[in-house]
């Protein structure tokens, strides 16, 4: 009985295994059929064309410039100082004020000089009267020539003494040596100044100098009178105009650079001495270029490329379509949002201008420039 039960159990397990195998085989067969159907559908599926922005290439003429970094310098700038010592009795200016040439800035105490001047003027008047009397006596031969000369010399000496005291008094009235804008006041009322003590800074701000250096290879392209532009981080939205006024005749033997000075109009005084600035000297000749927007370039270590849009005829559908061709290019100078294509493209070709990283050669595309960003040669973003 034991052997019969075991045989029955083995037979039962055998048929169960056959049943499981049949079910698994059916499932696998069904799945393979589904995969085949999906593969056939994917092979027959047509990818929709990619929407891109594009531009038609056209030749242009760019101005040639020499760019450099610069330092802003005042046409006239000085720290006004005390020429003679004395006590400050009057301060006639405010910090940051605009003054004209000759305006009073500081008055020092002149009480001692005023007393000396009165005495000297009295002595001069007496000497003049003595000289007149002696001169009249000399004309009548009642006084010797030597007496006349001594009286004349005495008169001139007293007059010179008066002039000396007046000059010293004038030096105690400190005046603006030229027109400009004052800096911060460095003195206080009642302060005792010594000779040479600083009082206030005075700078001429309009017009103003911009000094920069260029490599010696560029020096022969520069001439006085050339137009130039100045920009600075302090006023990023403004472009200041000026012209080259001088080119240093010597080359720095260490840097091999040549110093250049330009004069720039600065009516709103936005440029200040000591500022860092960028300059562009505009050269008279222009360069013929084939510009494209920089977003059209796919930069890569093995070479830069763009995607050219070409028309193809679809024989099956009987209509034309636009496809991409990847074209390697050699780039030149960049300016603003554009870059010059030196080799690889020709005028009249249409290139994709955005999203080039997701494209591939042979892909179908449609052009829609509705939302294409505007490219500019001299972009000025509002947030800059």
Foldseek 3Di string as FASTA:
>chain_A
DVVVVVVVVVVVVVVVVVVVVVVVVVVVVVVVVVVVVVVVVVVVDDDDFAEFAKDFWDKDWAFDKDKFKWFWAFPDKDFFFQQAWAWWADADDAAFDWDFAFAWGTAGDCPVLVVVLVVLVVQLVVLVVLLVVQVVCVVVVNHDPVSNVVSVVSNVVSVVSNVVSVVVNVSNGGTHNGTFTKHHADDDHGDIGHRGHGGIMGGHVFWIKIKTKDALVCPVQDDWPFKKWKAAPLCRQDIWIWTWHDKDPDADPPRNITMTMIITGDVVSSRDGGGMMMMITTGPDIDIFTKDFPQQWDDDPVFIWGWWWDWDADPVVRHIFIFTDIWGFDWDDAAFRITGTPDTDDGRIMTGRHDPVPDDGGGTYDYDCPPPDDTDRHDDDPVD
